Amino acid sequence: MDGLVFENKDLNVQDSVKPEKALQQEAIDFSNQLIALFDDICEDEDELDVKTLKSVYREAAHNCKAENCPDIHAWALARVNMFVRMKCDKEITSNIAPVESSTSNKITELELECPLFYQDLSCIDATESWLPKKEDFELAEQYSNKYELEFTFSSVDDLYIDEYQPLEFEL
């Protein structure tokens, strides 16, 4: 007997710790494979870097709503492919998400909640409503198979693809 075994499985430490560690290791392995993919993509193109591709992937995964896209990874990787295609081939996509007619008739001008000089314009993404093409999803599936990207996650925060940022505090 290795330890105490309780009838209530929630109290058994060994049963609950192993799956959590295994899940964390899967997330780490998935993240490493994803970064390896981004490295390979950047090798061929001088205009790209891994930091940018990770940022595009994270933003796409954050904007992906669970009810609209069942596979967050496929959506985010297709958005990365769309970004690479647009950046390197200088090809602008024509697939733009439709705007509801009830709201488009009401919009007459762009209104900002505070003056423009207070706005951080770096957070504005003009391509947010653009949809990847079918070829972007097909390429995403090919990459997933080649790099064995088979981890299912509910939030991009479960992955380990954040850029390192040193802690900033004053003594």
Protein backbone atom coordinates (compact mmCIF):
# COMPACT_ATOMS: atom_id res chain seq x y z
CA MET A 1 0.00 0.00 0.00
CA ASP A 2 1.51 3.31 -1.13
CA GLY A 3 -0.67 5.57 0.96
CA LEU A 4 -4.16 6.23 2.17
CA VAL A 5 -6.94 5.49 -0.31
CA PHE A 6 -10.24 7.27 0.28
CA GLU A 7 -13.63 6.25 -1.05
CA ASN A 8 -14.13 9.84 -2.18
CA LYS A 9 -11.81 10.05 -5.21
CA ASP A 10 -11.44 13.83 -4.85
CA LEU A 11 -9.43 13.22 -1.67
CA ASN A 12 -6.98 10.84 -3.31
CA VAL A 13 -3.97 13.05 -4.04
CA GLN A 14 -2.26 10.64 -6.43
CA ASP A 15 -5.32 10.33 -8.69
CA SER A 16 -5.74 14.08 -9.14
CA VAL A 17 -2.05 15.07 -9.44
CA LYS A 18 -1.00 12.73 -12.25
CA PRO A 19 -3.56 13.87 -14.83
CA GLU A 20 -2.82 17.53 -14.09
CA LYS A 21 0.93 17.01 -14.54
CA ALA A 22 0.37 14.97 -17.69
CA LEU A 23 -1.92 17.67 -19.09
CA GLN A 24 0.65 20.34 -18.30
CA GLN A 25 3.38 18.31 -20.01
CA GLU A 26 1.16 17.92 -23.09
CA ALA A 27 0.66 21.70 -23.17
CA ILE A 28 4.42 22.24 -22.91
CA ASP A 29 5.14 19.73 -25.70
CA PHE A 30 2.44 21.28 -27.90
CA SER A 31 3.85 24.77 -27.31
CA ASN A 32 7.37 23.61 -28.18
CA GLN A 33 6.15 22.01 -31.41
CA LEU A 34 4.19 25.15 -32.29
CA ILE A 35 7.26 27.33 -31.78
CA ALA A 36 9.31 24.89 -33.89
CA LEU A 37 6.73 25.33 -36.66
CA PHE A 38 6.99 29.11 -36.39
CA ASP A 39 10.81 28.83 -36.52
CA ASP A 40 10.57 26.82 -39.73
CA ILE A 41 8.17 29.33 -41.30
CA CYS A 42 10.48 32.21 -40.40
CA GLU A 43 13.53 30.48 -41.89
CA ASP A 44 12.08 30.87 -45.37
CA GLU A 45 10.90 34.45 -45.00
CA ASP A 46 13.12 37.35 -43.90
CA GLU A 47 10.15 39.60 -43.17
CA LEU A 48 8.83 37.31 -40.39
CA ASP A 49 9.90 36.55 -36.86
CA VAL A 50 8.70 34.03 -34.28
CA LYS A 51 7.58 36.75 -31.86
CA THR A 52 5.17 38.17 -34.44
CA LEU A 53 3.75 34.76 -35.39
CA LYS A 54 3.18 33.91 -31.73
CA SER A 55 1.39 37.23 -31.30
CA VAL A 56 -0.86 36.57 -34.32
CA TYR A 57 -1.63 33.05 -33.03
CA ARG A 58 -2.46 34.34 -29.52
CA GLU A 59 -4.71 37.13 -30.81
CA ALA A 60 -6.57 34.79 -33.14
CA ALA A 61 -7.06 32.24 -30.36
CA HIS A 62 -8.27 34.96 -27.96
CA ASN A 63 -10.78 36.24 -30.52
CA CYS A 64 -12.05 32.75 -31.33
CA LYS A 65 -15.31 32.16 -29.50
CA ALA A 66 -15.98 28.55 -28.48
CA GLU A 67 -19.50 28.56 -29.91
CA ASN A 68 -18.30 29.79 -33.32
CA CYS A 69 -15.15 27.72 -33.77
CA PRO A 70 -14.87 24.28 -32.23
CA ASP A 71 -11.11 23.98 -32.87
CA ILE A 72 -9.27 27.02 -31.56
CA HIS A 73 -5.90 25.74 -32.76
CA ALA A 74 -7.07 25.23 -36.35
CA TRP A 75 -8.56 28.74 -36.43
CA ALA A 76 -5.48 30.39 -34.92
CA LEU A 77 -3.07 28.51 -37.19
CA ALA A 78 -5.18 29.42 -40.24
CA ARG A 79 -4.98 33.07 -39.17
CA VAL A 80 -1.19 32.73 -38.93
CA ASN A 81 -1.17 31.28 -42.46
CA MET A 82 -3.33 34.16 -43.67
CA PHE A 83 -0.94 36.64 -42.06
CA VAL A 84 2.11 34.98 -43.64
CA ARG A 85 0.43 34.89 -47.05
CA MET A 86 -0.55 38.56 -46.84
CA LYS A 87 2.84 39.66 -45.47
CA CYS A 88 5.05 37.70 -47.87
CA ASP A 89 2.94 37.43 -51.02
CA LYS A 90 1.44 40.90 -50.57
CA GLU A 91 -1.96 39.31 -51.28
CA ILE A 92 -4.86 40.89 -49.45
CA THR A 93 -7.66 38.49 -48.64
CA SER A 94 -11.12 39.14 -50.00
CA ASN A 95 -12.92 37.15 -47.32
CA ILE A 96 -14.24 39.79 -44.98
CA ALA A 97 -16.78 38.89 -42.32
CA PRO A 98 -20.20 40.32 -43.16
CA VAL A 99 -21.54 43.22 -41.13
CA GLU A 100 -25.10 42.96 -39.90
CA SER A 101 -27.28 45.26 -41.97
CA SER A 102 -29.12 46.58 -38.90
CA THR A 103 -25.90 48.00 -37.44
CA SER A 104 -24.33 49.16 -40.70
CA ASN A 105 -27.25 51.48 -41.43
CA LYS A 106 -26.88 53.17 -38.04
CA ILE A 107 -23.17 53.91 -38.33
CA THR A 108 -22.54 57.38 -39.73
CA GLU A 109 -19.06 58.19 -38.45
CA LEU A 110 -16.24 56.84 -36.35
CA GLU A 111 -16.59 57.93 -32.76
CA LEU A 112 -13.84 57.49 -30.20
CA GLU A 113 -14.64 57.39 -26.51
CA CYS A 114 -11.72 59.65 -25.72
CA PRO A 115 -9.64 62.00 -27.87
CA LEU A 116 -7.35 60.35 -30.41
CA PHE A 117 -4.13 61.52 -28.74
CA TYR A 118 -5.06 59.39 -25.69
CA GLN A 119 -5.59 56.27 -27.79
CA ASP A 120 -2.95 53.58 -28.14
CA LEU A 121 -3.19 52.92 -31.86
CA SER A 122 -0.94 49.84 -31.71
CA CYS A 123 -3.88 47.77 -30.47
CA ILE A 124 -6.06 48.48 -33.52
CA ASP A 125 -6.26 45.47 -35.83
CA ALA A 126 -7.79 46.26 -39.20
CA THR A 127 -7.69 42.57 -40.17
CA GLU A 128 -9.70 41.34 -37.17
CA SER A 129 -12.82 40.72 -39.24
CA TRP A 130 -10.93 39.13 -42.15
CA LEU A 131 -11.44 35.41 -42.60
CA PRO A 132 -8.74 32.95 -43.66
CA LYS A 133 -9.17 31.27 -47.03
CA LYS A 134 -9.77 27.55 -47.46
CA GLU A 135 -6.11 27.11 -48.40
CA ASP A 136 -5.10 28.63 -45.02
CA PHE A 137 -7.12 25.97 -43.19
CA GLU A 138 -5.72 23.21 -45.41
CA LEU A 139 -2.18 24.37 -44.72
CA ALA A 140 -2.98 24.51 -41.00
CA GLU A 141 -4.11 20.89 -41.13
CA GLN A 142 -0.92 19.89 -42.96
CA TYR A 143 1.21 21.68 -40.37
CA SER A 144 -0.74 20.06 -37.53
CA ASN A 145 -0.12 16.61 -38.98
CA LYS A 146 3.55 17.23 -39.76
CA TYR A 147 4.37 18.73 -36.35
CA GLU A 148 1.98 16.43 -34.42
CA LEU A 149 -0.01 19.34 -33.00
CA GLU A 150 -2.80 17.32 -31.40
CA PHE A 151 -3.40 19.06 -28.06
CA THR A 152 -6.92 20.35 -27.42
CA PHE A 153 -7.15 23.47 -25.28
CA SER A 154 -9.98 25.75 -24.25
CA SER A 155 -7.90 28.89 -23.84
CA VAL A 156 -4.63 30.04 -25.37
CA ASP A 157 -3.56 30.88 -21.82
CA ASP A 158 -3.16 27.11 -21.27
CA LEU A 159 -0.17 27.19 -23.65
CA TYR A 160 3.39 28.33 -23.09
CA ILE A 161 3.87 30.74 -25.98
CA ASP A 162 3.95 34.08 -24.15
CA GLU A 163 6.94 36.27 -24.80
CA TYR A 164 9.31 36.53 -21.86
CA GLN A 165 8.91 39.79 -20.00
CA PRO A 166 11.18 40.46 -17.05
CA LEU A 167 9.51 41.44 -13.83
CA GLU A 168 9.71 45.14 -13.25
CA PHE A 169 9.62 46.30 -9.70
CA GLU A 170 11.43 48.92 -7.71
CA LEU A 171 13.20 48.40 -4.44
